[in-house]
Amino acid sequence: MNGRNHTREFKIQLCKQVETGEKRPAQVCRERKELLKAAY
């Protein structure tokens, strides 16, 4: 990891975007490369 800390709310927001179909997991990962491992 690159040492960044993300808030719980930020992570929940990303998960909700995937769950609701607003964004696909790959899209979230491309936009947030630092969260690639955390998304799965």
N, C-alpha and C. Protein backbone atom coordinates (compact mmCIF):
# COMPACT_ATOMS: atom_id res chain seq x y z
N MET A 1 0.84 -1.18 0.00
CA MET A 1 0.00 0.00 0.00
C MET A 1 0.88 1.24 0.00
N ASN A 2 0.28 2.34 -0.32
CA ASN A 2 1.05 3.56 -0.44
C ASN A 2 0.97 4.44 0.81
N GLY A 3 0.40 3.93 1.89
CA GLY A 3 0.37 4.67 3.14
C GLY A 3 -0.81 5.61 3.30
N ARG A 4 -1.73 5.63 2.35
CA ARG A 4 -2.89 6.51 2.48
C ARG A 4 -3.92 5.85 3.38
N ASN A 5 -4.59 6.67 4.16
CA ASN A 5 -5.67 6.20 5.01
C ASN A 5 -6.97 6.78 4.49
N HIS A 6 -7.93 5.92 4.27
CA HIS A 6 -9.23 6.36 3.79
C HIS A 6 -10.26 6.13 4.88
N THR A 7 -11.19 7.06 4.98
CA THR A 7 -12.20 6.96 6.03
C THR A 7 -13.15 5.81 5.74
N ARG A 8 -13.79 5.37 6.78
CA ARG A 8 -14.79 4.31 6.67
C ARG A 8 -15.90 4.74 5.72
N GLU A 9 -16.31 6.00 5.83
CA GLU A 9 -17.39 6.52 5.00
C GLU A 9 -17.01 6.50 3.53
N PHE A 10 -15.77 6.83 3.23
CA PHE A 10 -15.29 6.82 1.85
C PHE A 10 -15.35 5.41 1.27
N LYS A 11 -14.91 4.44 2.04
CA LYS A 11 -14.92 3.05 1.59
C LYS A 11 -16.35 2.55 1.40
N ILE A 12 -17.25 2.93 2.31
CA ILE A 12 -18.65 2.53 2.19
C ILE A 12 -19.26 3.14 0.93
N GLN A 13 -18.92 4.38 0.65
CA GLN A 13 -19.44 5.05 -0.55
C GLN A 13 -19.02 4.29 -1.81
N LEU A 14 -17.77 3.86 -1.87
CA LEU A 14 -17.31 3.11 -3.04
C LEU A 14 -18.05 1.78 -3.16
N CYS A 15 -18.24 1.11 -2.04
CA CYS A 15 -18.96 -0.18 -2.06
C CYS A 15 -20.40 0.00 -2.53
N LYS A 16 -21.04 1.07 -2.08
CA LYS A 16 -22.42 1.32 -2.48
C LYS A 16 -22.52 1.61 -3.97
N GLN A 17 -21.52 2.30 -4.52
CA GLN A 17 -21.52 2.58 -5.95
C GLN A 17 -21.48 1.28 -6.75
N VAL A 18 -20.74 0.30 -6.27
CA VAL A 18 -20.65 -0.99 -6.95
C VAL A 18 -21.94 -1.78 -6.73
N GLU A 19 -22.44 -1.80 -5.50
CA GLU A 19 -23.66 -2.56 -5.19
C GLU A 19 -24.87 -2.07 -5.97
N THR A 20 -25.00 -0.77 -6.14
CA THR A 20 -26.16 -0.22 -6.83
C THR A 20 -26.02 -0.26 -8.34
N GLY A 21 -24.84 -0.63 -8.82
CA GLY A 21 -24.62 -0.69 -10.26
C GLY A 21 -24.22 0.63 -10.86
N GLU A 22 -24.04 1.63 -10.01
CA GLU A 22 -23.62 2.95 -10.50
C GLU A 22 -22.26 2.84 -11.19
N LYS A 23 -21.39 2.02 -10.63
CA LYS A 23 -20.06 1.80 -11.20
C LYS A 23 -19.72 0.32 -11.09
N ARG A 24 -18.93 -0.14 -12.04
CA ARG A 24 -18.46 -1.53 -12.00
C ARG A 24 -17.18 -1.56 -11.17
N PRO A 25 -16.87 -2.71 -10.56
CA PRO A 25 -15.65 -2.81 -9.74
C PRO A 25 -14.39 -2.37 -10.48
N ALA A 26 -14.27 -2.74 -11.75
CA ALA A 26 -13.09 -2.37 -12.52
C ALA A 26 -12.99 -0.85 -12.69
N GLN A 27 -14.14 -0.20 -12.84
CA GLN A 27 -14.15 1.26 -13.00
C GLN A 27 -13.68 1.93 -11.71
N VAL A 28 -14.16 1.43 -10.58
CA VAL A 28 -13.75 1.99 -9.29
C VAL A 28 -12.24 1.82 -9.12
N CYS A 29 -11.73 0.66 -9.49
CA CYS A 29 -10.30 0.40 -9.35
C CYS A 29 -9.47 1.30 -10.25
N ARG A 30 -9.94 1.53 -11.46
CA ARG A 30 -9.20 2.42 -12.36
C ARG A 30 -9.17 3.84 -11.81
N GLU A 31 -10.29 4.28 -11.28
CA GLU A 31 -10.37 5.64 -10.74
C GLU A 31 -9.59 5.78 -9.44
N ARG A 32 -9.55 4.72 -8.68
CA ARG A 32 -8.92 4.75 -7.36
C ARG A 32 -7.85 3.68 -7.27
N LYS A 33 -6.81 3.81 -8.03
CA LYS A 33 -5.78 2.78 -8.12
C LYS A 33 -5.22 2.40 -6.76
N GLU A 34 -5.19 3.34 -5.84
CA GLU A 34 -4.66 3.05 -4.51
C GLU A 34 -5.55 2.10 -3.72
N LEU A 35 -6.80 1.92 -4.17
CA LEU A 35 -7.71 1.04 -3.46
C LEU A 35 -7.90 -0.31 -4.16
N LEU A 36 -7.07 -0.59 -5.12
CA LEU A 36 -7.23 -1.79 -5.93
C LEU A 36 -7.37 -3.04 -5.06
N LYS A 37 -6.52 -3.22 -4.10
CA LYS A 37 -6.58 -4.40 -3.26
C LYS A 37 -7.76 -4.35 -2.29
N ALA A 38 -8.10 -3.18 -1.81
CA ALA A 38 -9.17 -3.05 -0.83
C ALA A 38 -10.56 -3.27 -1.44
N ALA A 39 -10.67 -3.14 -2.75
CA ALA A 39 -11.97 -3.27 -3.38
C ALA A 39 -12.46 -4.71 -3.42
N TYR A 40 -11.55 -5.65 -3.23
CA TYR A 40 -11.94 -7.07 -3.31
C TYR A 40 -11.76 -7.77 -2.01
